[in-house]
Amino acid sequence: MDRFTSNNRRADGWTEVVKLLIILTAIMGTRNSFGLFFTSIENQFGMSRGATSAYFSIFMALSAIFTIICGWALDRFGPRIIFFLMGIITLFSLLLTGRTTASWQLYITYSFLLACGTGAGFSLVLATVSKWFLQRRGLALAIALSGEGAGTLLVAPLAAYLILRFDWRSAFSILGLIAGIIMICGAALLKKVPAVPGNPADAAESKGPDKVGQTAGFSLKEAVQTRSFWLLALVYLMVSFSFYLVLTHIAPHLRDLGFDASQAAIVVSFLGGSTIPGRLVIGLASDKFSRKKLAILCAFLQVAGMIWLTQSNSLWNYYLFALEFGFAFGGLSNLMATLIGDTFGMTNLGSVSGTLVVGFSLGAAIGPTLGGIIFDATDSYTIAFICGILATSVAVASLFLTRRETRRT
């Protein structure tokens, strides 16, 4: 690869990062806003916290399946057609959710269709950006994956306003139109991802702290046979368990304590918005320092955040918790994305990362439902939040045990 082609690749790559950032903002804004709709759905259909949580938990469980399917499709068809189809499905999913008249219909319109439309979004952006960049991949991923926090930051207050101004059904419909159009238009502008270069000069660009420096990459079958694959899957499971336990139940928890909907929306916005500086700061650091050590630090900060949550008794305590916990989650999430590419290579990153992120989806499915069940049994979230402390502690231990894997000969 000559210098001109290499420079063009980098320039195109940064342009694609911006497009994928916008697409992911639309995707994550819709899926991470469920907590704002929680009380409205609970009251509308007279459901328990556990039953209401099930809509989101089933959505996340199905997302794990669609993540595997879309990861396979990404390696074969590229991102443009996949994101385009996801945008169409997302639009119709939320429009139909806004027209539901019975509680069981939400399992189809929200849990199933929205999982099909948005479930694989994070891992697809992760894999696509990673294939564009050999150098400065940590920063590129930090920027693109900041769409998760940006989506929550922007959509949470918008959802709260729409629910207050109209009703929860209209709010879903409006968000569906906005997100669907953004995804469809963004997908149409995406370029084909160039082949991973095998040129030694390009391979050298990937060298640095904790970098494998390989371009051939593990196949999914080879990756599954390594210890690090399962440890990283466990980290994903435990981290997402605690994060989505909080994201789903923090708004109803604050409403139970007497805070109004706008105050709860601010906490949710802080929780999502603080992941952006977490990704950017840690993303920059990850290109210079040990990613494993930084990941352990972020996981430890999540443990501290969960402990802080159990002791919070004022609105400012919750604001501070949201900022610290979101920052740590954003940093760790970004590091996990880069660690996968470093450990298993780029060639089959879509299928490898897609399969690993199944652990993330399962954790996000278990956390909200377990939190709702515990609340229904105890009329409190204390035990649920303690479970979050234990989960993040397991993530810390798992990261300590990971190691750089090499292909067996």
Protein backbone atom coordinates (compact mmCIF):
# COMPACT_ATOMS: atom_id res chain seq x y z
CA MET A 1 0.00 0.00 0.00
CA ASP A 2 1.56 3.32 -1.07
CA ARG A 3 1.57 6.46 1.05
CA PHE A 4 -1.21 8.14 -0.97
CA THR A 5 -3.55 5.17 -0.57
CA SER A 6 -2.73 4.89 3.13
CA ASN A 7 -3.49 8.58 3.70
CA ASN A 8 -6.77 8.28 1.79
CA ARG A 9 -7.71 5.29 3.92
CA ARG A 10 -7.15 7.29 7.10
CA ALA A 11 -9.10 10.31 5.82
CA ASP A 12 -12.01 8.13 4.72
CA GLY A 13 -11.85 6.29 8.02
CA TRP A 14 -12.36 9.44 10.09
CA THR A 15 -15.28 10.43 7.86
CA GLU A 16 -16.85 7.02 8.45
CA VAL A 17 -16.32 7.44 12.20
CA VAL A 18 -18.51 10.55 12.16
CA LYS A 19 -21.24 8.78 10.17
CA LEU A 20 -21.19 5.78 12.50
CA LEU A 21 -21.24 8.08 15.55
CA ILE A 22 -24.49 9.63 14.28
CA ILE A 23 -26.03 6.25 13.49
CA LEU A 24 -25.11 4.83 16.90
CA THR A 25 -26.49 7.94 18.61
CA ALA A 26 -29.89 7.20 17.05
CA ILE A 27 -29.68 3.50 17.90
CA MET A 28 -28.62 3.83 21.52
CA GLY A 29 -30.90 6.79 22.21
CA THR A 30 -33.94 4.64 21.42
CA ARG A 31 -32.88 1.55 23.35
CA ASN A 32 -31.46 3.31 26.43
CA SER A 33 -34.56 5.47 26.96
CA PHE A 34 -36.75 2.59 28.16
CA GLY A 35 -36.37 3.60 31.81
CA LEU A 36 -38.16 6.88 31.06
CA PHE A 37 -41.16 4.92 29.74
CA PHE A 38 -41.08 2.42 32.62
CA THR A 39 -43.57 4.07 34.97
CA SER A 40 -45.99 4.96 32.15
CA ILE A 41 -46.11 1.36 30.88
CA GLU A 42 -46.31 -0.02 34.41
CA ASN A 43 -49.31 2.19 35.23
CA GLN A 44 -50.99 1.79 31.82
CA PHE A 45 -51.24 -1.98 32.07
CA GLY A 46 -51.22 -2.39 35.88
CA MET A 47 -48.05 -4.50 35.82
CA SER A 48 -45.43 -5.35 38.44
CA ARG A 49 -41.84 -4.05 38.22
CA GLY A 50 -40.59 -7.51 37.27
CA ALA A 51 -43.14 -7.91 34.48
CA THR A 52 -42.47 -4.42 33.12
CA SER A 53 -38.72 -5.04 33.19
CA ALA A 54 -39.26 -8.18 31.11
CA TYR A 55 -39.95 -6.12 27.98
CA PHE A 56 -36.43 -4.72 28.06
CA SER A 57 -34.85 -7.97 29.23
CA ILE A 58 -36.38 -9.95 26.37
CA PHE A 59 -35.31 -7.18 24.02
CA MET A 60 -31.70 -7.58 25.20
CA ALA A 61 -31.82 -11.38 25.05
CA LEU A 62 -33.06 -11.24 21.46
CA SER A 63 -30.39 -8.63 20.74
CA ALA A 64 -27.79 -11.29 21.51
CA ILE A 65 -29.20 -13.48 18.74
CA PHE A 66 -29.40 -10.66 16.22
CA THR A 67 -25.88 -9.57 17.14
CA ILE A 68 -24.51 -12.96 16.07
CA ILE A 69 -26.54 -12.92 12.84
CA CYS A 70 -25.59 -9.35 11.95
CA GLY A 71 -21.93 -9.94 12.85
CA TRP A 72 -21.85 -12.78 10.34
CA ALA A 73 -23.68 -10.65 7.75
CA LEU A 74 -21.31 -7.70 8.28
CA ASP A 75 -18.27 -9.77 7.32
CA ARG A 76 -20.02 -10.78 4.07
CA PHE A 77 -22.21 -7.87 2.96
CA GLY A 78 -20.66 -4.81 4.58
CA PRO A 79 -22.21 -2.18 6.87
CA ARG A 80 -24.28 -0.15 4.39
CA ILE A 81 -27.03 -2.67 3.65
CA ILE A 82 -27.13 -3.97 7.25
CA PHE A 83 -27.62 -0.53 8.85
CA PHE A 84 -30.12 0.44 6.13
CA LEU A 85 -32.35 -2.55 6.92
CA MET A 86 -31.96 -1.93 10.65
CA GLY A 87 -33.15 1.65 10.19
CA ILE A 88 -36.32 0.56 8.40
CA ILE A 89 -37.11 -2.04 11.07
CA THR A 90 -36.46 0.45 13.89
CA LEU A 91 -38.82 2.99 12.35
CA PHE A 92 -41.68 0.50 12.04
CA SER A 93 -40.96 -1.05 15.44
CA LEU A 94 -41.50 2.16 17.39
CA LEU A 95 -44.39 3.32 15.22
CA LEU A 96 -46.16 0.04 15.98
CA THR A 97 -45.21 0.26 19.67
CA GLY A 98 -46.96 3.62 19.75
CA ARG A 99 -50.17 1.96 18.53
CA THR A 100 -50.29 -0.97 20.96
CA THR A 101 -53.51 -1.52 22.91
CA ALA A 102 -52.58 -4.62 24.93
CA SER A 103 -49.53 -5.46 27.02
CA TRP A 104 -48.66 -8.64 25.08
CA GLN A 105 -48.27 -6.64 21.86
CA LEU A 106 -45.19 -4.91 23.28
CA TYR A 107 -43.32 -8.22 23.23
CA ILE A 108 -43.65 -8.18 19.42
CA THR A 109 -43.40 -4.50 18.54
CA TYR A 110 -40.78 -3.51 21.13
CA SER A 111 -38.93 -6.59 22.39
CA PHE A 112 -38.67 -8.46 19.08
CA LEU A 113 -38.73 -5.83 16.32
CA LEU A 114 -36.60 -3.25 18.13
CA ALA A 115 -34.03 -5.97 18.93
CA CYS A 116 -33.94 -6.75 15.22
CA GLY A 117 -33.54 -3.07 14.38
CA THR A 118 -31.05 -1.94 17.02
CA GLY A 119 -29.74 -4.96 18.93
CA ALA A 120 -26.56 -5.41 16.91
CA GLY A 121 -25.80 -1.70 16.51
CA PHE A 122 -23.01 -1.40 19.06
CA SER A 123 -21.04 -4.44 17.92
CA LEU A 124 -21.47 -3.54 14.23
CA VAL A 125 -20.06 -0.05 14.81
CA LEU A 126 -17.24 -1.57 16.87
CA ALA A 127 -16.30 -4.02 14.13
CA THR A 128 -16.66 -1.53 11.27
CA VAL A 129 -14.47 1.14 12.88
CA SER A 130 -11.86 -1.44 13.89
CA LYS A 131 -11.56 -2.58 10.27
CA TRP A 132 -10.92 0.99 9.10
CA PHE A 133 -8.09 1.67 11.58
CA LEU A 134 -4.80 0.02 12.41
CA GLN A 135 -3.28 3.16 13.93
CA ARG A 136 -5.14 5.25 16.53
CA ARG A 137 -7.89 2.65 16.69
CA GLY A 138 -8.49 3.39 20.37
CA LEU A 139 -9.33 7.04 19.66
CA ALA A 140 -11.44 6.17 16.60
CA LEU A 141 -13.50 3.69 18.61
CA ALA A 142 -13.80 6.15 21.48
CA ILE A 143 -15.34 8.73 19.16
CA ALA A 144 -17.69 6.39 17.29
CA LEU A 145 -18.85 4.47 20.36
CA SER A 146 -19.56 7.77 22.14
CA GLY A 147 -22.83 7.54 20.26
CA GLU A 148 -24.05 5.34 23.09
CA GLY A 149 -23.65 8.15 25.59
CA ALA A 150 -24.72 10.88 23.18
CA GLY A 151 -27.91 8.99 22.40
CA THR A 152 -28.84 8.68 26.06
CA LEU A 153 -27.82 12.27 26.80
CA LEU A 154 -30.00 13.66 24.00
CA VAL A 155 -32.95 11.28 23.94
CA ALA A 156 -33.62 10.92 27.68
CA PRO A 157 -34.78 14.54 28.18
CA LEU A 158 -36.54 14.47 24.81
CA ALA A 159 -38.43 11.31 25.77
CA ALA A 160 -39.38 12.78 29.14
CA TYR A 161 -40.68 15.94 27.43
CA LEU A 162 -42.66 14.02 24.80
CA ILE A 163 -44.25 11.78 27.43
CA LEU A 164 -45.22 14.83 29.50
CA ARG A 165 -46.37 16.87 26.49
CA PHE A 166 -48.28 14.08 24.73
CA ASP A 167 -48.24 10.49 26.08
CA TRP A 168 -45.91 7.51 26.05
CA ARG A 169 -47.37 6.09 22.83
CA SER A 170 -46.87 9.32 20.89
CA ALA A 171 -43.38 9.62 22.34
CA PHE A 172 -42.44 6.18 20.99
CA SER A 173 -43.81 7.04 17.55
CA ILE A 174 -41.93 10.34 17.32
CA LEU A 175 -38.67 8.78 18.48
CA GLY A 176 -39.13 6.00 15.94
CA LEU A 177 -39.48 8.47 13.08
CA ILE A 178 -36.42 10.43 14.16
CA ALA A 179 -34.19 7.40 14.78
CA GLY A 180 -35.33 5.51 11.69
CA ILE A 181 -34.72 8.39 9.31
CA ILE A 182 -31.28 9.10 10.78
CA MET A 183 -30.26 5.44 10.48
CA ILE A 184 -31.54 5.06 6.92
CA CYS A 185 -29.89 8.26 5.66
CA GLY A 186 -26.65 7.54 7.54
CA ALA A 187 -26.46 4.01 6.16
CA ALA A 188 -26.91 5.25 2.59
CA LEU A 189 -23.78 7.41 2.99
CA LEU A 190 -21.50 4.67 4.34
CA LYS A 191 -18.59 3.48 2.23
CA LYS A 192 -17.37 -0.06 1.70
CA VAL A 193 -14.77 -1.07 4.29
CA PRO A 194 -11.37 -1.64 2.61
CA ALA A 195 -9.62 -4.98 2.98
CA VAL A 196 -7.26 -5.30 5.93
CA PRO A 197 -3.78 -4.65 4.52
CA GLY A 198 -1.14 -7.32 4.75
CA ASN A 199 1.72 -4.94 3.98
CA PRO A 200 4.40 -5.18 6.73
CA ALA A 201 4.51 -1.38 6.97
CA ASP A 202 0.81 -1.25 7.69
CA ALA A 203 1.01 -4.12 10.12
CA ALA A 204 3.66 -2.20 12.00
CA GLU A 205 1.19 0.62 12.60
CA SER A 206 -0.71 -1.57 15.01
CA LYS A 207 2.24 -1.98 17.36
CA GLY A 208 2.05 -0.42 20.78
CA PRO A 209 1.04 -1.25 24.38
CA ASP A 210 -0.90 -4.51 24.50
CA LYS A 211 -1.07 -4.69 20.69
CA VAL A 212 -0.90 -8.08 19.05
CA GLY A 213 0.22 -6.64 15.71
CA GLN A 214 -1.47 -9.39 13.68
CA THR A 215 -3.62 -8.96 10.62
CA ALA A 216 -4.57 -12.58 9.89
CA GLY A 217 -6.79 -12.85 12.94
CA PHE A 218 -8.42 -15.76 14.78
CA SER A 219 -11.44 -17.47 13.32
CA LEU A 220 -14.46 -17.61 15.60
CA LYS A 221 -13.82 -21.32 16.16
CA GLU A 222 -10.22 -20.64 17.20
CA ALA A 223 -11.19 -17.71 19.45
CA VAL A 224 -13.81 -19.74 21.31
CA GLN A 225 -11.14 -22.27 22.26
CA THR A 226 -9.10 -19.68 24.20
CA ARG A 227 -9.42 -18.80 27.87
CA SER A 228 -9.45 -15.08 27.18
CA PHE A 229 -12.57 -15.38 25.02
CA TRP A 230 -14.62 -16.70 27.94
CA LEU A 231 -13.11 -14.29 30.45
CA LEU A 232 -13.93 -11.34 28.20
CA ALA A 233 -17.45 -12.72 27.74
CA LEU A 234 -17.79 -12.88 31.54
CA VAL A 235 -16.60 -9.30 31.88
CA TYR A 236 -19.21 -8.21 29.35
CA LEU A 237 -21.90 -10.16 31.20
CA MET A 238 -21.12 -8.71 34.64
CA VAL A 239 -20.55 -5.12 33.51
CA SER A 240 -23.75 -4.96 31.46
CA PHE A 241 -25.69 -6.63 34.28
CA SER A 242 -24.90 -3.78 36.65
CA PHE A 243 -25.14 -0.97 34.08
CA TYR A 244 -28.54 -1.94 32.69
CA LEU A 245 -29.85 -2.78 36.15
CA VAL A 246 -29.16 0.85 37.00
CA LEU A 247 -30.20 2.33 33.65
CA THR A 248 -33.58 0.58 33.72
CA HIS A 249 -34.46 1.14 37.37
CA ILE A 250 -32.82 4.42 38.36
CA ALA A 251 -35.75 6.48 37.04
CA PRO A 252 -38.51 4.51 38.85
CA HIS A 253 -36.24 4.37 41.92
CA LEU A 254 -35.98 8.15 41.97
CA ARG A 255 -39.74 8.49 41.42
CA ASP A 256 -40.28 6.22 44.43
CA LEU A 257 -38.11 8.57 46.49
CA GLY A 258 -40.28 11.54 45.54
CA PHE A 259 -38.21 13.12 42.75
CA ASP A 260 -40.11 14.23 39.64
CA ALA A 261 -39.77 12.93 36.09
CA SER A 262 -37.53 15.79 34.90
CA GLN A 263 -35.06 15.19 37.74
CA ALA A 264 -34.99 11.48 36.96
CA ALA A 265 -34.39 12.29 33.28
CA ILE A 266 -31.40 14.47 34.21
CA VAL A 267 -29.84 11.59 36.16
CA VAL A 268 -30.36 9.25 33.20
CA SER A 269 -28.86 11.88 30.86
CA PHE A 270 -25.84 12.28 33.13
CA LEU A 271 -25.45 8.51 33.25
CA GLY A 272 -25.35 8.27 29.47
CA GLY A 273 -23.61 11.56 28.76
CA SER A 274 -20.68 10.88 31.09
CA THR A 275 -19.79 7.79 29.05
CA ILE A 276 -18.63 10.19 26.31
CA PRO A 277 -15.68 11.73 28.22
CA GLY A 278 -15.03 8.26 29.63
CA ARG A 279 -14.61 6.85 26.14
CA LEU A 280 -12.57 9.79 24.87
CA VAL A 281 -10.22 10.12 27.85
CA ILE A 282 -9.64 6.40 28.25
CA GLY A 283 -9.57 5.95 24.47
CA LEU A 284 -6.70 8.42 24.17
CA ALA A 285 -4.90 6.81 27.09
CA SER A 286 -5.36 3.33 25.63
CA ASP A 287 -3.19 4.20 22.63
CA LYS A 288 -0.29 4.96 25.01
CA PHE A 289 -0.75 2.80 28.12
CA SER A 290 -1.64 -0.77 29.00
CA ARG A 291 -5.25 -1.42 28.03
CA LYS A 292 -5.59 -4.26 30.51
CA LYS A 293 -4.52 -2.06 33.45
CA LEU A 294 -6.82 0.74 32.33
CA ALA A 295 -9.70 -1.74 32.02
CA ILE A 296 -9.11 -3.01 35.56
CA LEU A 297 -9.09 0.58 36.82
CA CYS A 298 -12.41 1.37 35.10
CA ALA A 299 -14.01 -1.82 36.42
CA PHE A 300 -12.85 -0.95 39.94
CA LEU A 301 -14.40 2.52 39.57
CA GLN A 302 -17.68 0.84 38.68
CA VAL A 303 -17.52 -1.18 41.90
CA ALA A 304 -16.97 2.07 43.82
CA GLY A 305 -19.87 3.68 41.97
CA MET A 306 -22.29 0.88 42.88
CA ILE A 307 -21.26 1.18 46.53
CA TRP A 308 -21.85 4.96 46.31
CA LEU A 309 -25.32 4.30 44.87
CA THR A 310 -26.38 2.21 47.87
CA GLN A 311 -25.39 5.09 50.18
CA SER A 312 -26.98 7.92 48.17
CA ASN A 313 -29.73 9.91 49.89
CA SER A 314 -29.97 13.19 47.95
CA LEU A 315 -30.38 14.30 44.36
CA TRP A 316 -26.80 15.59 44.21
CA ASN A 317 -25.55 12.18 45.34
CA TYR A 318 -27.35 10.63 42.39
CA TYR A 319 -25.95 13.23 40.00
CA LEU A 320 -22.41 12.47 41.18
CA PHE A 321 -23.03 8.73 41.00
CA ALA A 322 -24.31 9.00 37.42
CA LEU A 323 -21.27 11.03 36.33
CA GLU A 324 -18.73 8.66 37.93
CA PHE A 325 -20.45 5.41 37.00
CA GLY A 326 -21.10 6.48 33.42
CA PHE A 327 -17.49 7.67 32.98
CA ALA A 328 -16.16 4.31 34.20
CA PHE A 329 -18.60 2.33 32.05
CA GLY A 330 -17.75 4.35 28.94
CA GLY A 331 -14.03 3.87 29.46
CA LEU A 332 -14.32 0.15 30.12
CA SER A 333 -16.70 -0.40 27.22
CA ASN A 334 -14.28 1.29 24.85
CA LEU A 335 -11.35 -0.71 26.19
CA MET A 336 -13.23 -3.97 25.76
CA ALA A 337 -13.84 -3.07 22.13
CA THR A 338 -10.13 -2.52 21.45
CA LEU A 339 -9.02 -5.53 23.50
CA ILE A 340 -11.08 -7.84 21.28
CA GLY A 341 -9.35 -6.61 18.14
CA ASP A 342 -5.92 -6.74 19.80
CA THR A 343 -6.47 -10.27 21.04
CA PHE A 344 -8.13 -11.91 18.05
CA GLY A 345 -7.18 -9.77 15.03
CA MET A 346 -9.30 -8.02 12.42
CA THR A 347 -10.18 -10.56 9.75
CA ASN A 348 -13.20 -12.08 11.52
CA LEU A 349 -13.80 -9.29 13.99
CA GLY A 350 -17.50 -9.00 13.11
CA SER A 351 -18.28 -12.59 14.05
CA VAL A 352 -15.89 -12.73 17.03
CA SER A 353 -17.00 -9.45 18.60
CA GLY A 354 -20.63 -10.19 17.77
CA THR A 355 -20.44 -13.49 19.61
CA LEU A 356 -18.62 -11.96 22.57
CA VAL A 357 -21.18 -9.18 22.85
CA VAL A 358 -23.78 -11.90 23.41
CA GLY A 359 -22.46 -11.91 26.98
CA PHE A 360 -23.16 -8.19 27.16
CA SER A 361 -26.72 -8.69 25.89
CA LEU A 362 -27.39 -11.52 28.33
CA GLY A 363 -26.16 -9.43 31.25
CA ALA A 364 -28.36 -6.57 30.12
CA ALA A 365 -31.28 -9.00 29.94
CA ILE A 366 -30.76 -10.47 33.41
CA GLY A 367 -30.04 -7.23 35.31
CA PRO A 368 -33.31 -5.36 34.71
CA THR A 369 -35.59 -8.36 35.33
CA LEU A 370 -33.74 -9.44 38.47
CA GLY A 371 -33.90 -5.86 39.76
CA GLY A 372 -37.66 -5.78 39.16
CA ILE A 373 -38.21 -9.16 40.82
CA ILE A 374 -36.16 -8.15 43.85
CA PHE A 375 -38.12 -4.89 44.15
CA ASP A 376 -41.46 -6.74 43.94
CA ALA A 377 -40.30 -9.09 46.72
CA THR A 378 -38.71 -6.54 49.06
CA ASP A 379 -40.24 -3.18 48.02
CA SER A 380 -36.66 -1.89 47.77
CA TYR A 381 -33.75 -1.83 45.32
CA THR A 382 -31.06 -2.26 48.01
CA ILE A 383 -30.45 -5.98 47.44
CA ALA A 384 -30.53 -5.46 43.67
CA PHE A 385 -27.84 -2.78 43.88
CA ILE A 386 -25.72 -5.06 46.10
CA CYS A 387 -25.95 -7.66 43.33
CA GLY A 388 -24.55 -4.97 41.04
CA ILE A 389 -21.58 -4.54 43.40
CA LEU A 390 -20.88 -8.27 43.30
CA ALA A 391 -21.18 -8.39 39.51
CA THR A 392 -18.69 -5.58 38.91
CA SER A 393 -16.30 -7.20 41.41
CA VAL A 394 -16.38 -10.39 39.32
CA ALA A 395 -15.54 -8.26 36.26
CA VAL A 396 -12.45 -6.90 38.02
CA ALA A 397 -11.26 -10.42 38.89
CA SER A 398 -11.89 -11.68 35.33
CA LEU A 399 -9.84 -8.86 33.82
CA PHE A 400 -6.94 -9.75 36.12
CA LEU A 401 -7.01 -13.31 34.73
CA THR A 402 -7.06 -12.42 31.03
CA ARG A 403 -3.91 -12.86 28.98
CA ARG A 404 -2.79 -12.29 25.42
CA GLU A 405 -3.63 -15.39 23.39
CA THR A 406 -1.51 -16.70 20.53
CA ARG A 407 -2.57 -19.08 17.78
CA ARG A 408 -1.49 -22.67 18.35
CA THR A 409 0.71 -24.26 15.69
